[in-house]
Amino acid sequence: MSSDTTSADVAALAEQVQERLPEPLPDVTELWKALEVLQPGLDARGWRMNDTQRLALATHLAAAVRRFGSGEEVAAIDPVFFAEVSDDAMALAGELLAPIQKTPDIQVEEKFLVAVHLDAAQIS
């Protein structure tokens, strides 16, 4: 996807994710909300993701949509594992998760898992 991401690009990526999930999301609207934030967030930071990175992140976002919908949380993760995750990646992770979260606060572990994907884009 280029920086001129369209609704068709978001729909195509969401469809790719749905095809790979063991149990597809019943409604991809929430996933679309997060994916619509992705390219502008990457562009603002001068980061690029290849198609494989983008699909991996989108698949994780689909899992987050499912967890947010069910109230499930990611198991606690020792923050030492994420010491190398950049503040910019954490900020963009928060931006991606904000449109789909069901509670006022995003679980830090959820943000860490998304941020790892984003740091890969930062160093690409």
PDB file of N, CA and C in Angstrom:
ATOM      1  N   MET A   1       0.836  -1.170   0.000  1.00  0.00           N
ATOM      2  CA  MET A   1       0.000   0.000   0.000  1.00  0.00           C
ATOM      3  C   MET A   1       0.880   1.232   0.000  1.00  0.00           C
ATOM      4  N   SER A   2       0.538   2.178  -0.790  1.00  0.00           N
ATOM      5  CA  SER A   2       1.301   3.412  -0.846  1.00  0.00           C
ATOM      6  C   SER A   2       0.708   4.425   0.105  1.00  0.00           C
ATOM      7  N   SER A   3       1.314   5.610   0.127  1.00  0.00           N
ATOM      8  CA  SER A   3       0.835   6.636   1.039  1.00  0.00           C
ATOM      9  C   SER A   3      -0.527   7.175   0.618  1.00  0.00           C
ATOM     10  N   ASP A   4      -0.974   6.873  -0.588  1.00  0.00           N
ATOM     11  CA  ASP A   4      -2.294   7.305  -1.027  1.00  0.00           C
ATOM     12  C   ASP A   4      -3.325   6.198  -0.797  1.00  0.00           C
ATOM     13  N   THR A   5      -3.280   5.636   0.393  1.00  0.00           N
ATOM     14  CA  THR A   5      -4.168   4.542   0.775  1.00  0.00           C
ATOM     15  C   THR A   5      -5.625   4.967   0.620  1.00  0.00           C
ATOM     16  N   THR A   6      -6.403   4.090   0.025  1.00  0.00           N
ATOM     17  CA  THR A   6      -7.817   4.358  -0.187  1.00  0.00           C
ATOM     18  C   THR A   6      -8.655   3.384   0.622  1.00  0.00           C
ATOM     19  N   SER A   7      -9.942   3.638   0.618  1.00  0.00           N
ATOM     20  CA  SER A   7     -10.861   2.708   1.279  1.00  0.00           C
ATOM     21  C   SER A   7     -10.775   1.327   0.647  1.00  0.00           C
ATOM     22  N   ALA A   8     -10.515   1.288  -0.662  1.00  0.00           N
ATOM     23  CA  ALA A   8     -10.374  -0.007  -1.339  1.00  0.00           C
ATOM     24  C   ALA A   8      -9.146  -0.750  -0.824  1.00  0.00           C
ATOM     25  N   ASP A   9      -8.051  -0.020  -0.548  1.00  0.00           N
ATOM     26  CA  ASP A   9      -6.846  -0.642  -0.002  1.00  0.00           C
ATOM     27  C   ASP A   9      -7.122  -1.218   1.386  1.00  0.00           C
ATOM     28  N   VAL A  10      -7.824  -0.452   2.201  1.00  0.00           N
ATOM     29  CA  VAL A  10      -8.170  -0.905   3.550  1.00  0.00           C
ATOM     30  C   VAL A  10      -9.060  -2.139   3.462  1.00  0.00           C
ATOM     31  N   ALA A  11     -10.037  -2.106   2.573  1.00  0.00           N
ATOM     32  CA  ALA A  11     -10.941  -3.250   2.406  1.00  0.00           C
ATOM     33  C   ALA A  11     -10.177  -4.486   1.942  1.00  0.00           C
ATOM     34  N   ALA A  12      -9.241  -4.305   1.016  1.00  0.00           N
ATOM     35  CA  ALA A  12      -8.459  -5.440   0.510  1.00  0.00           C
ATOM     36  C   ALA A  12      -7.598  -6.043   1.609  1.00  0.00           C
ATOM     37  N   LEU A  13      -6.969  -5.202   2.414  1.00  0.00           N
ATOM     38  CA  LEU A  13      -6.144  -5.703   3.513  1.00  0.00           C
ATOM     39  C   LEU A  13      -7.012  -6.422   4.544  1.00  0.00           C
ATOM     40  N   ALA A  14      -8.151  -5.850   4.873  1.00  0.00           N
ATOM     41  CA  ALA A  14      -9.061  -6.501   5.826  1.00  0.00           C
ATOM     42  C   ALA A  14      -9.505  -7.865   5.297  1.00  0.00           C
ATOM     43  N   GLU A  15      -9.749  -7.962   4.003  1.00  0.00           N
ATOM     44  CA  GLU A  15     -10.147  -9.237   3.404  1.00  0.00           C
ATOM     45  C   GLU A  15      -9.014 -10.256   3.481  1.00  0.00           C
ATOM     46  N   GLN A  16      -7.777  -9.821   3.233  1.00  0.00           N
ATOM     47  CA  GLN A  16      -6.625 -10.726   3.358  1.00  0.00           C
ATOM     48  C   GLN A  16      -6.526 -11.270   4.777  1.00  0.00           C
ATOM     49  N   VAL A  17      -6.733 -10.404   5.742  1.00  0.00           N
ATOM     50  CA  VAL A  17      -6.680 -10.826   7.143  1.00  0.00           C
ATOM     51  C   VAL A  17      -7.784 -11.841   7.411  1.00  0.00           C
ATOM     52  N   GLN A  18      -8.999 -11.537   6.990  1.00  0.00           N
ATOM     53  CA  GLN A  18     -10.128 -12.435   7.223  1.00  0.00           C
ATOM     54  C   GLN A  18      -9.858 -13.834   6.668  1.00  0.00           C
ATOM     55  N   GLU A  19      -9.214 -13.896   5.497  1.00  0.00           N
ATOM     56  CA  GLU A  19      -8.917 -15.180   4.870  1.00  0.00           C
ATOM     57  C   GLU A  19      -7.911 -15.995   5.678  1.00  0.00           C
ATOM     58  N   ARG A  20      -7.089 -15.331   6.475  1.00  0.00           N
ATOM     59  CA  ARG A  20      -6.036 -16.013   7.217  1.00  0.00           C
ATOM     60  C   ARG A  20      -6.421 -16.358   8.656  1.00  0.00           C
ATOM     61  N   LEU A  21      -7.484 -15.763   9.138  1.00  0.00           N
ATOM     62  CA  LEU A  21      -7.897 -16.027  10.519  1.00  0.00           C
ATOM     63  C   LEU A  21      -8.569 -17.392  10.626  1.00  0.00           C
ATOM     64  N   PRO A  22      -8.269 -18.147  11.693  1.00  0.00           N
ATOM     65  CA  PRO A  22      -8.947 -19.430  11.881  1.00  0.00           C
ATOM     66  C   PRO A  22     -10.457 -19.244  12.039  1.00  0.00           C
ATOM     67  N   GLU A  23     -10.840 -18.143  12.659  1.00  0.00           N
ATOM     68  CA  GLU A  23     -12.249 -17.790  12.812  1.00  0.00           C
ATOM     69  C   GLU A  23     -12.388 -16.322  12.414  1.00  0.00           C
ATOM     70  N   PRO A  24     -12.894 -16.051  11.209  1.00  0.00           N
ATOM     71  CA  PRO A  24     -12.998 -14.664  10.744  1.00  0.00           C
ATOM     72  C   PRO A  24     -13.833 -13.802  11.688  1.00  0.00           C
ATOM     73  N   LEU A  25     -13.529 -12.514  11.689  1.00  0.00           N
ATOM     74  CA  LEU A  25     -14.318 -11.576  12.479  1.00  0.00           C
ATOM     75  C   LEU A  25     -15.732 -11.518  11.911  1.00  0.00           C
ATOM     76  N   PRO A  26     -16.759 -11.466  12.768  1.00  0.00           N
ATOM     77  CA  PRO A  26     -18.126 -11.387  12.255  1.00  0.00           C
ATOM     78  C   PRO A  26     -18.404 -10.052  11.559  1.00  0.00           C
ATOM     79  N   ASP A  27     -17.649  -9.016  11.935  1.00  0.00           N
ATOM     80  CA  ASP A  27     -17.826  -7.682  11.360  1.00  0.00           C
ATOM     81  C   ASP A  27     -16.449  -7.027  11.290  1.00  0.00           C
ATOM     82  N   VAL A  28     -16.031  -6.614  10.111  1.00  0.00           N
ATOM     83  CA  VAL A  28     -14.692  -6.034   9.949  1.00  0.00           C
ATOM     84  C   VAL A  28     -14.666  -4.521  10.159  1.00  0.00           C
ATOM     85  N   THR A  29     -15.781  -3.922  10.515  1.00  0.00           N
ATOM     86  CA  THR A  29     -15.846  -2.469  10.682  1.00  0.00           C
ATOM     87  C   THR A  29     -14.802  -1.961  11.663  1.00  0.00           C
ATOM     88  N   GLU A  30     -14.659  -2.620  12.799  1.00  0.00           N
ATOM     89  CA  GLU A  30     -13.687  -2.181  13.801  1.00  0.00           C
ATOM     90  C   GLU A  30     -12.260  -2.292  13.264  1.00  0.00           C
ATOM     91  N   LEU A  31     -11.971  -3.357  12.544  1.00  0.00           N
ATOM     92  CA  LEU A  31     -10.646  -3.518  11.950  1.00  0.00           C
ATOM     93  C   LEU A  31     -10.386  -2.402  10.949  1.00  0.00           C
ATOM     94  N   TRP A  32     -11.368  -2.066  10.138  1.00  0.00           N
ATOM     95  CA  TRP A  32     -11.219  -0.973   9.170  1.00  0.00           C
ATOM     96  C   TRP A  32     -10.860   0.326   9.876  1.00  0.00           C
ATOM     97  N   LYS A  33     -11.495   0.594  11.018  1.00  0.00           N
ATOM     98  CA  LYS A  33     -11.218   1.837  11.756  1.00  0.00           C
ATOM     99  C   LYS A  33      -9.742   1.949  12.103  1.00  0.00           C
ATOM    100  N   ALA A  34      -9.159   0.869  12.567  1.00  0.00           N
ATOM    101  CA  ALA A  34      -7.735   0.881  12.921  1.00  0.00           C
ATOM    102  C   ALA A  34      -6.868   1.004  11.673  1.00  0.00           C
ATOM    103  N   LEU A  35      -7.212   0.271  10.634  1.00  0.00           N
ATOM    104  CA  LEU A  35      -6.404   0.287   9.412  1.00  0.00           C
ATOM    105  C   LEU A  35      -6.432   1.648   8.723  1.00  0.00           C
ATOM    106  N   GLU A  36      -7.531   2.378   8.858  1.00  0.00           N
ATOM    107  CA  GLU A  36      -7.613   3.710   8.258  1.00  0.00           C
ATOM    108  C   GLU A  36      -6.659   4.699   8.919  1.00  0.00           C
ATOM    109  N   VAL A  37      -6.253   4.434  10.132  1.00  0.00           N
ATOM    110  CA  VAL A  37      -5.322   5.295  10.867  1.00  0.00           C
ATOM    111  C   VAL A  37      -3.871   4.952  10.525  1.00  0.00           C
ATOM    112  N   LEU A  38      -3.633   3.736  10.061  1.00  0.00           N
ATOM    113  CA  LEU A  38      -2.273   3.237   9.882  1.00  0.00           C
ATOM    114  C   LEU A  38      -1.430   4.069   8.928  1.00  0.00           C
ATOM    115  N   GLN A  39      -1.842   4.211   7.679  1.00  0.00           N
ATOM    116  CA  GLN A  39      -0.981   4.882   6.701  1.00  0.00           C
ATOM    117  C   GLN A  39      -0.720   6.343   7.053  1.00  0.00           C
ATOM    118  N   PRO A  40      -1.732   7.114   7.466  1.00  0.00           N
ATOM    119  CA  PRO A  40      -1.424   8.489   7.872  1.00  0.00           C
ATOM    120  C   PRO A  40      -0.425   8.542   9.039  1.00  0.00           C
ATOM    121  N   GLY A  41      -0.542   7.604   9.961  1.00  0.00           N
ATOM    122  CA  GLY A  41       0.400   7.551  11.087  1.00  0.00           C
ATOM    123  C   GLY A  41       1.811   7.221  10.644  1.00  0.00           C
ATOM    124  N   LEU A  42       1.934   6.276   9.713  1.00  0.00           N
ATOM    125  CA  LEU A  42       3.254   5.939   9.169  1.00  0.00           C
ATOM    126  C   LEU A  42       3.834   7.122   8.404  1.00  0.00           C
ATOM    127  N   ASP A  43       3.011   7.738   7.551  1.00  0.00           N
ATOM    128  CA  ASP A  43       3.476   8.871   6.749  1.00  0.00           C
ATOM    129  C   ASP A  43       3.960  10.024   7.623  1.00  0.00           C
ATOM    130  N   ALA A  44       3.228  10.300   8.694  1.00  0.00           N
ATOM    131  CA  ALA A  44       3.595  11.405   9.586  1.00  0.00           C
ATOM    132  C   ALA A  44       4.968  11.196  10.208  1.00  0.00           C
ATOM    133  N   ARG A  45       5.369   9.941  10.316  1.00  0.00           N
ATOM    134  CA  ARG A  45       6.660   9.621  10.931  1.00  0.00           C
ATOM    135  C   ARG A  45       7.735   9.262   9.898  1.00  0.00           C
ATOM    136  N   GLY A  46       7.357   9.224   8.638  1.00  0.00           N
ATOM    137  CA  GLY A  46       8.310   8.859   7.588  1.00  0.00           C
ATOM    138  C   GLY A  46       8.665   7.384   7.579  1.00  0.00           C
ATOM    139  N   TRP A  47       7.773   6.540   8.099  1.00  0.00           N
ATOM    140  CA  TRP A  47       8.006   5.107   8.160  1.00  0.00           C
ATOM    141  C   TRP A  47       7.315   4.419   6.989  1.00  0.00           C
ATOM    142  N   ARG A  48       7.840   3.269   6.607  1.00  0.00           N
ATOM    143  CA  ARG A  48       7.244   2.462   5.544  1.00  0.00           C
ATOM    144  C   ARG A  48       7.105   1.017   6.019  1.00  0.00           C
ATOM    145  N   MET A  49       6.043   0.378   5.579  1.00  0.00           N
ATOM    146  CA  MET A  49       5.850  -1.046   5.857  1.00  0.00           C
ATOM    147  C   MET A  49       5.714  -1.760   4.526  1.00  0.00           C
ATOM    148  N   ASN A  50       6.361  -2.932   4.423  1.00  0.00           N
ATOM    149  CA  ASN A  50       6.133  -3.737   3.225  1.00  0.00           C
ATOM    150  C   ASN A  50       4.827  -4.519   3.422  1.00  0.00           C
ATOM    151  N   ASP A  51       4.402  -5.203   2.387  1.00  0.00           N
ATOM    152  CA  ASP A  51       3.112  -5.904   2.450  1.00  0.00           C
ATOM    153  C   ASP A  51       3.072  -6.972   3.537  1.00  0.00           C
ATOM    154  N   THR A  52       4.188  -7.659   3.742  1.00  0.00           N
ATOM    155  CA  THR A  52       4.242  -8.702   4.771  1.00  0.00           C
ATOM    156  C   THR A  52       4.115  -8.091   6.161  1.00  0.00           C
ATOM    157  N   GLN A  53       4.830  -6.996   6.411  1.00  0.00           N
ATOM    158  CA  GLN A  53       4.739  -6.318   7.706  1.00  0.00           C
ATOM    159  C   GLN A  53       3.324  -5.795   7.945  1.00  0.00           C
ATOM    160  N   ARG A  54       2.741  -5.226   6.899  1.00  0.00           N
ATOM    161  CA  ARG A  54       1.394  -4.657   7.012  1.00  0.00           C
ATOM    162  C   ARG A  54       0.369  -5.760   7.320  1.00  0.00           C
ATOM    163  N   LEU A  55       0.496  -6.903   6.666  1.00  0.00           N
ATOM    164  CA  LEU A  55      -0.427  -8.015   6.907  1.00  0.00           C
ATOM    165  C   LEU A  55      -0.257  -8.569   8.322  1.00  0.00           C
ATOM    166  N   ALA A  56       0.980  -8.679   8.789  1.00  0.00           N
ATOM    167  CA  ALA A  56       1.219  -9.165  10.156  1.00  0.00           C
ATOM    168  C   ALA A  56       0.593  -8.218  11.176  1.00  0.00           C
ATOM    169  N   LEU A  57       0.785  -6.917  10.986  1.00  0.00           N
ATOM    170  CA  LEU A  57       0.198  -5.944  11.904  1.00  0.00           C
ATOM    171  C   LEU A  57      -1.326  -5.995  11.832  1.00  0.00           C
ATOM    172  N   ALA A  58      -1.878  -6.043  10.635  1.00  0.00           N
ATOM    173  CA  ALA A  58      -3.334  -6.078  10.485  1.00  0.00           C
ATOM    174  C   ALA A  58      -3.931  -7.325  11.137  1.00  0.00           C
ATOM    175  N   THR A  59      -3.226  -8.444  11.053  1.00  0.00           N
ATOM    176  CA  THR A  59      -3.690  -9.671  11.699  1.00  0.00           C
ATOM    177  C   THR A  59      -3.688  -9.500  13.216  1.00  0.00           C
ATOM    178  N   HIS A  60      -2.651  -8.858  13.741  1.00  0.00           N
ATOM    179  CA  HIS A  60      -2.631  -8.591  15.182  1.00  0.00           C
ATOM    180  C   HIS A  60      -3.769  -7.646  15.563  1.00  0.00           C
ATOM    181  N   LEU A  61      -4.014  -6.633  14.754  1.00  0.00           N
ATOM    182  CA  LEU A  61      -5.114  -5.713  15.051  1.00  0.00           C
ATOM    183  C   LEU A  61      -6.459  -6.441  15.042  1.00  0.00           C
ATOM    184  N   ALA A  62      -6.624  -7.412  14.152  1.00  0.00           N
ATOM    185  CA  ALA A  62      -7.857  -8.210  14.143  1.00  0.00           C
ATOM    186  C   ALA A  62      -8.004  -8.982  15.452  1.00  0.00           C
ATOM    187  N   ALA A  63      -6.899  -9.519  15.950  1.00  0.00           N
ATOM    188  CA  ALA A  63      -6.938 -10.219  17.240  1.00  0.00           C
ATOM    189  C   ALA A  63      -7.294  -9.245  18.361  1.00  0.00           C
ATOM    190  N   ALA A  64      -6.772  -8.026  18.282  1.00  0.00           N
ATOM    191  CA  ALA A  64      -7.103  -7.011  19.289  1.00  0.00           C
ATOM    192  C   ALA A  64      -8.587  -6.666  19.225  1.00  0.00           C
ATOM    193  N   VAL A  65      -9.131  -6.545  18.024  1.00  0.00           N
ATOM    194  CA  VAL A  65     -10.566  -6.281  17.867  1.00  0.00           C
ATOM    195  C   VAL A  65     -11.367  -7.374  18.568  1.00  0.00           C
ATOM    196  N   ARG A  66     -10.973  -8.617  18.357  1.00  0.00           N
ATOM    197  CA  ARG A  66     -11.680  -9.743  18.981  1.00  0.00           C
ATOM    198  C   ARG A  66     -11.563  -9.661  20.514  1.00  0.00           C
ATOM    199  N   ARG A  67     -10.350  -9.383  21.005  1.00  0.00           N
ATOM    200  CA  ARG A  67     -10.164  -9.287  22.461  1.00  0.00           C
ATOM    201  C   ARG A  67     -10.971  -8.134  23.045  1.00  0.00           C
ATOM    202  N   PHE A  68     -10.924  -6.976  22.388  1.00  0.00           N
ATOM    203  CA  PHE A  68     -11.676  -5.825  22.897  1.00  0.00           C
ATOM    204  C   PHE A  68     -13.164  -6.134  22.935  1.00  0.00           C
ATOM    205  N   GLY A  69     -13.658  -6.842  21.926  1.00  0.00           N
ATOM    206  CA  GLY A  69     -15.075  -7.184  21.869  1.00  0.00           C
ATOM    207  C   GLY A  69     -15.507  -8.154  22.951  1.00  0.00           C
ATOM    208  N   SER A  70     -14.605  -9.055  23.328  1.00  0.00           N
ATOM    209  CA  SER A  70     -14.940 -10.078  24.321  1.00  0.00           C
ATOM    210  C   SER A  70     -14.552  -9.679  25.743  1.00  0.00           C
ATOM    211  N   GLY A  71     -13.770  -8.609  25.865  1.00  0.00           N
ATOM    212  CA  GLY A  71     -13.295  -8.203  27.185  1.00  0.00           C
ATOM    213  C   GLY A  71     -12.046  -8.942  27.627  1.00  0.00           C
ATOM    214  N   GLU A  72     -11.538  -9.822  26.777  1.00  0.00           N
ATOM    215  CA  GLU A  72     -10.311 -10.558  27.091  1.00  0.00           C
ATOM    216  C   GLU A  72      -9.125  -9.594  27.091  1.00  0.00           C
ATOM    217  N   GLU A  73      -8.146  -9.897  27.919  1.00  0.00           N
ATOM    218  CA  GLU A  73      -6.926  -9.096  27.957  1.00  0.00           C
ATOM    219  C   GLU A  73      -5.727  -9.964  27.621  1.00  0.00           C
ATOM    220  N   VAL A  74      -4.692  -9.320  27.098  1.00  0.00           N
ATOM    221  CA  VAL A  74      -3.425  -9.995  26.853  1.00  0.00           C
ATOM    222  C   VAL A  74      -2.821 -10.320  28.214  1.00  0.00           C
ATOM    223  N   ALA A  75      -2.192 -11.475  28.324  1.00  0.00           N
ATOM    224  CA  ALA A  75      -1.531 -11.838  29.581  1.00  0.00           C
ATOM    225  C   ALA A  75      -0.463 -10.798  29.915  1.00  0.00           C
ATOM    226  N   ALA A  76      -0.240 -10.605  31.187  1.00  0.00           N
ATOM    227  CA  ALA A  76       0.777  -9.651  31.629  1.00  0.00           C
ATOM    228  C   ALA A  76       2.133 -10.024  31.040  1.00  0.00           C
ATOM    229  N   ILE A  77       2.850  -9.015  30.587  1.00  0.00           N
ATOM    230  CA  ILE A  77       4.171  -9.205  29.997  1.00  0.00           C
ATOM    231  C   ILE A  77       5.146  -8.328  30.762  1.00  0.00           C
ATOM    232  N   ASP A  78       6.269  -8.895  31.137  1.00  0.00           N
ATOM    233  CA  ASP A  78       7.289  -8.135  31.851  1.00  0.00           C
ATOM    234  C   ASP A  78       7.763  -6.996  30.957  1.00  0.00           C
ATOM    235  N   PRO A  79       7.633  -5.753  31.407  1.00  0.00           N
ATOM    236  CA  PRO A  79       8.026  -4.605  30.590  1.00  0.00           C
ATOM    237  C   PRO A  79       9.484  -4.624  30.134  1.00  0.00           C
ATOM    238  N   VAL A  80      10.334  -5.391  30.791  1.00  0.00           N
ATOM    239  CA  VAL A  80      11.732  -5.465  30.385  1.00  0.00           C
ATOM    240  C   VAL A  80      11.857  -6.002  28.955  1.00  0.00           C
ATOM    241  N   PHE A  81      10.901  -6.827  28.524  1.00  0.00           N
ATOM    242  CA  PHE A  81      10.940  -7.373  27.170  1.00  0.00           C
ATOM    243  C   PHE A  81      10.737  -6.297  26.106  1.00  0.00           C
ATOM    244  N   PHE A  82      10.159  -5.196  26.499  1.00  0.00           N
ATOM    245  CA  PHE A  82       9.842  -4.140  25.543  1.00  0.00           C
ATOM    246  C   PHE A  82      10.673  -2.877  25.760  1.00  0.00           C
ATOM    247  N   ALA A  83      11.780  -3.006  26.454  1.00  0.00           N
ATOM    248  CA  ALA A  83      12.622  -1.844  26.753  1.00  0.00           C
ATOM    249  C   ALA A  83      13.124  -1.155  25.491  1.00  0.00           C
ATOM    250  N   GLU A  84      13.251  -1.898  24.411  1.00  0.00           N
ATOM    251  CA  GLU A  84      13.772  -1.329  23.168  1.00  0.00           C
ATOM    252  C   GLU A  84      12.684  -0.721  22.279  1.00  0.00           C
ATOM    253  N   VAL A  85      11.434  -0.852  22.654  1.00  0.00           N
ATOM    254  CA  VAL A  85      10.339  -0.311  21.844  1.00  0.00           C
ATOM    255  C   VAL A  85      10.346   1.211  21.958  1.00  0.00           C
ATOM    256  N   SER A  86      10.301   1.876  20.815  1.00  0.00           N
ATOM    257  CA  SER A  86      10.401   3.340  20.804  1.00  0.00           C
ATOM    258  C   SER A  86       9.121   4.014  21.293  1.00  0.00           C
ATOM    259  N   ASP A  87       9.292   5.215  21.815  1.00  0.00           N
ATOM    260  CA  ASP A  87       8.142   6.009  22.244  1.00  0.00           C
ATOM    261  C   ASP A  87       7.225   6.328  21.064  1.00  0.00           C
ATOM    262  N   ASP A  88       7.823   6.603  19.885  1.00  0.00           N
ATOM    263  CA  ASP A  88       7.010   6.884  18.698  1.00  0.00           C
ATOM    264  C   ASP A  88       6.149   5.686  18.318  1.00  0.00           C
ATOM    265  N   ALA A  89       6.720   4.492  18.398  1.00  0.00           N
ATOM    266  CA  ALA A  89       5.951   3.287  18.076  1.00  0.00           C
ATOM    267  C   ALA A  89       4.827   3.090  19.093  1.00  0.00           C
ATOM    268  N   MET A  90       5.103   3.346  20.357  1.00  0.00           N
ATOM    269  CA  MET A  90       4.054   3.231  21.384  1.00  0.00           C
ATOM    270  C   MET A  90       2.944   4.254  21.130  1.00  0.00           C
ATOM    271  N   ALA A  91       3.328   5.462  20.725  1.00  0.00           N
ATOM    272  CA  ALA A  91       2.328   6.497  20.452  1.00  0.00           C
ATOM    273  C   ALA A  91       1.441   6.097  19.273  1.00  0.00           C
ATOM    274  N   LEU A  92       2.055   5.623  18.190  1.00  0.00           N
ATOM    275  CA  LEU A  92       1.261   5.210  17.032  1.00  0.00           C
ATOM    276  C   LEU A  92       0.404   3.989  17.369  1.00  0.00           C
ATOM    277  N   ALA A  93       0.917   3.089  18.173  1.00  0.00           N
ATOM    278  CA  ALA A  93       0.115   1.936  18.610  1.00  0.00           C
ATOM    279  C   ALA A  93      -1.144   2.417  19.319  1.00  0.00           C
ATOM    280  N   GLY A  94      -0.989   3.405  20.171  1.00  0.00           N
ATOM    281  CA  GLY A  94      -2.153   3.973  20.854  1.00  0.00           C
ATOM    282  C   GLY A  94      -3.149   4.586  19.885  1.00  0.00           C
ATOM    283  N   GLU A  95      -2.631   5.255  18.844  1.00  0.00           N
ATOM    284  CA  GLU A  95      -3.504   5.851  17.828  1.00  0.00           C
ATOM    285  C   GLU A  95      -4.273   4.780  17.054  1.00  0.00           C
ATOM    286  N   LEU A  96      -3.608   3.667  16.755  1.00  0.00           N
ATOM    287  CA  LEU A  96      -4.265   2.580  16.019  1.00  0.00           C
ATOM    288  C   LEU A  96      -5.337   1.895  16.860  1.00  0.00           C
ATOM    289  N   LEU A  97      -5.049   1.723  18.132  1.00  0.00           N
ATOM    290  CA  LEU A  97      -5.975   1.004  19.011  1.00  0.00           C
ATOM    291  C   LEU A  97      -7.119   1.880  19.508  1.00  0.00           C
ATOM    292  N   ALA A  98      -6.916   3.190  19.563  1.00  0.00           N
ATOM    293  CA  ALA A  98      -7.933   4.093  20.109  1.00  0.00           C
ATOM    294  C   ALA A  98      -9.305   3.951  19.439  1.00  0.00           C
ATOM    295  N   PRO A  99      -9.375   3.854  18.099  1.00  0.00           N
ATOM    296  CA  PRO A  99     -10.710   3.759  17.484  1.00  0.00           C
ATOM    297  C   PRO A  99     -11.455   2.458  17.782  1.00  0.00           C
ATOM    298  N   ILE A 100     -10.755   1.440  18.251  1.00  0.00           N
ATOM    299  CA  ILE A 100     -11.408   0.140  18.454  1.00  0.00           C
ATOM    300  C   ILE A 100     -11.532  -0.260  19.915  1.00  0.00           C
ATOM    301  N   GLN A 101     -10.932   0.502  20.810  1.00  0.00           N
ATOM    302  CA  GLN A 101     -10.984   0.123  22.224  1.00  0.00           C
ATOM    303  C   GLN A 101     -12.388   0.318  22.774  1.00  0.00           C
ATOM    304  N   LYS A 102     -12.732  -0.482  23.736  1.00  0.00           N
ATOM    305  CA  LYS A 102     -14.064  -0.433  24.334  1.00  0.00           C
ATOM    306  C   LYS A 102     -14.049   0.212  25.718  1.00  0.00           C
ATOM    307  N   THR A 103     -12.864   0.466  26.237  1.00  0.00           N
ATOM    308  CA  THR A 103     -12.719   1.077  27.555  1.00  0.00           C
ATOM    309  C   THR A 103     -11.847   2.320  27.416  1.00  0.00           C
ATOM    310  N   PRO A 104     -11.847   3.195  28.406  1.00  0.00           N
ATOM    311  CA  PRO A 104     -11.064   4.426  28.301  1.00  0.00           C
ATOM    312  C   PRO A 104      -9.552   4.196  28.226  1.00  0.00           C
ATOM    313  N   ASP A 105      -9.074   3.122  28.795  1.00  0.00           N
ATOM    314  CA  ASP A 105      -7.637   2.864  28.828  1.00  0.00           C
ATOM    315  C   ASP A 105      -7.290   1.652  27.975  1.00  0.00           C
ATOM    316  N   ILE A 106      -6.186   1.779  27.226  1.00  0.00           N
ATOM    317  CA  ILE A 106      -5.686   0.657  26.437  1.00  0.00           C
ATOM    318  C   ILE A 106      -4.674  -0.089  27.292  1.00  0.00           C
ATOM    319  N   GLN A 107      -4.822  -1.384  27.390  1.00  0.00           N
ATOM    320  CA  GLN A 107      -3.883  -2.212  28.144  1.00  0.00           C
ATOM    321  C   GLN A 107      -2.479  -2.028  27.565  1.00  0.00           C
ATOM    322  N   VAL A 108      -1.507  -1.752  28.420  1.00  0.00           N
ATOM    323  CA  VAL A 108      -0.147  -1.469  27.960  1.00  0.00           C
ATOM    324  C   VAL A 108       0.442  -2.640  27.182  1.00  0.00           C
ATOM    325  N   GLU A 109       0.133  -3.864  27.574  1.00  0.00           N
ATOM    326  CA  GLU A 109       0.638  -5.032  26.845  1.00  0.00           C
ATOM    327  C   GLU A 109       0.114  -5.059  25.410  1.00  0.00           C
ATOM    328  N   GLU A 110      -1.129  -4.656  25.220  1.00  0.00           N
ATOM    329  CA  GLU A 110      -1.702  -4.600  23.869  1.00  0.00           C
ATOM    330  C   GLU A 110      -0.940  -3.573  23.030  1.00  0.00           C
ATOM    331  N   LYS A 111      -0.669  -2.426  23.623  1.00  0.00           N
ATOM    332  CA  LYS A 111       0.100  -1.396  22.908  1.00  0.00           C
ATOM    333  C   LYS A 111       1.508  -1.884  22.588  1.00  0.00           C
ATOM    334  N   PHE A 112       2.138  -2.565  23.532  1.00  0.00           N
ATOM    335  CA  PHE A 112       3.482  -3.089  23.288  1.00  0.00           C
ATOM    336  C   PHE A 112       3.496  -4.034  22.082  1.00  0.00           C
ATOM    337  N   LEU A 113       2.529  -4.936  22.017  1.00  0.00           N
ATOM    338  CA  LEU A 113       2.498  -5.912  20.926  1.00  0.00           C
ATOM    339  C   LEU A 113       2.320  -5.242  19.564  1.00  0.00           C
ATOM    340  N   VAL A 114       1.503  -4.209  19.499  1.00  0.00           N
ATOM    341  CA  VAL A 114       1.335  -3.463  18.248  1.00  0.00           C
ATOM    342  C   VAL A 114       2.599  -2.662  17.947  1.00  0.00           C
ATOM    343  N   ALA A 115       3.181  -2.062  18.967  1.00  0.00           N
ATOM    344  CA  ALA A 115       4.369  -1.219  18.782  1.00  0.00           C
ATOM    345  C   ALA A 115       5.555  -1.994  18.225  1.00  0.00           C
ATOM    346  N   VAL A 116       5.678  -3.261  18.575  1.00  0.00           N
ATOM    347  CA  VAL A 116       6.773  -4.081  18.040  1.00  0.00           C
ATOM    348  C   VAL A 116       6.682  -4.128  16.513  1.00  0.00           C
ATOM    349  N   HIS A 117       5.486  -4.293  15.980  1.00  0.00           N
ATOM    350  CA  HIS A 117       5.294  -4.284  14.526  1.00  0.00           C
ATOM    351  C   HIS A 117       5.695  -2.929  13.941  1.00  0.00           C
ATOM    352  N   LEU A 118       5.359  -1.873  14.644  1.00  0.00           N
ATOM    353  CA  LEU A 118       5.634  -0.528  14.143  1.00  0.00           C
ATOM    354  C   LEU A 118       7.115  -0.199  14.187  1.00  0.00           C
ATOM    355  N   ASP A 119       7.810  -0.670  15.198  1.00  0.00           N
ATOM    356  CA  ASP A 119       9.257  -0.448  15.237  1.00  0.00           C
ATOM    357  C   ASP A 119       9.943  -1.145  14.071  1.00  0.00           C
ATOM    358  N   ALA A 120       9.411  -2.267  13.638  1.00  0.00           N
ATOM    359  CA  ALA A 120       9.974  -2.937  12.461  1.00  0.00           C
ATOM    360  C   ALA A 120       9.848  -2.034  11.233  1.00  0.00           C
ATOM    361  N   ALA A 121       8.750  -1.298  11.130  1.00  0.00           N
ATOM    362  CA  ALA A 121       8.572  -0.360  10.014  1.00  0.00           C
ATOM    363  C   ALA A 121       9.547   0.802  10.132  1.00  0.00           C
ATOM    364  N   GLN A 122       9.795   1.225  11.336  1.00  0.00           N
ATOM    365  CA  GLN A 122      10.680   2.365  11.570  1.00  0.00           C
ATOM    366  C   GLN A 122      12.106   2.067  11.112  1.00  0.00           C
ATOM    367  N   ILE A 123      12.544   0.827  11.279  1.00  0.00           N
ATOM    368  CA  ILE A 123      13.925   0.490  10.923  1.00  0.00           C
ATOM    369  C   ILE A 123      14.041  -0.082   9.513  1.00  0.00           C
ATOM    370  N   SER A 124      12.915  -0.234   8.825  1.00  0.00           N
ATOM    371  CA  SER A 124      12.938  -0.781   7.454  1.00  0.00           C
ATOM    372  C   SER A 124      13.470   0.241   6.469  1.00  0.00           C
TER     373      SER A 124
END
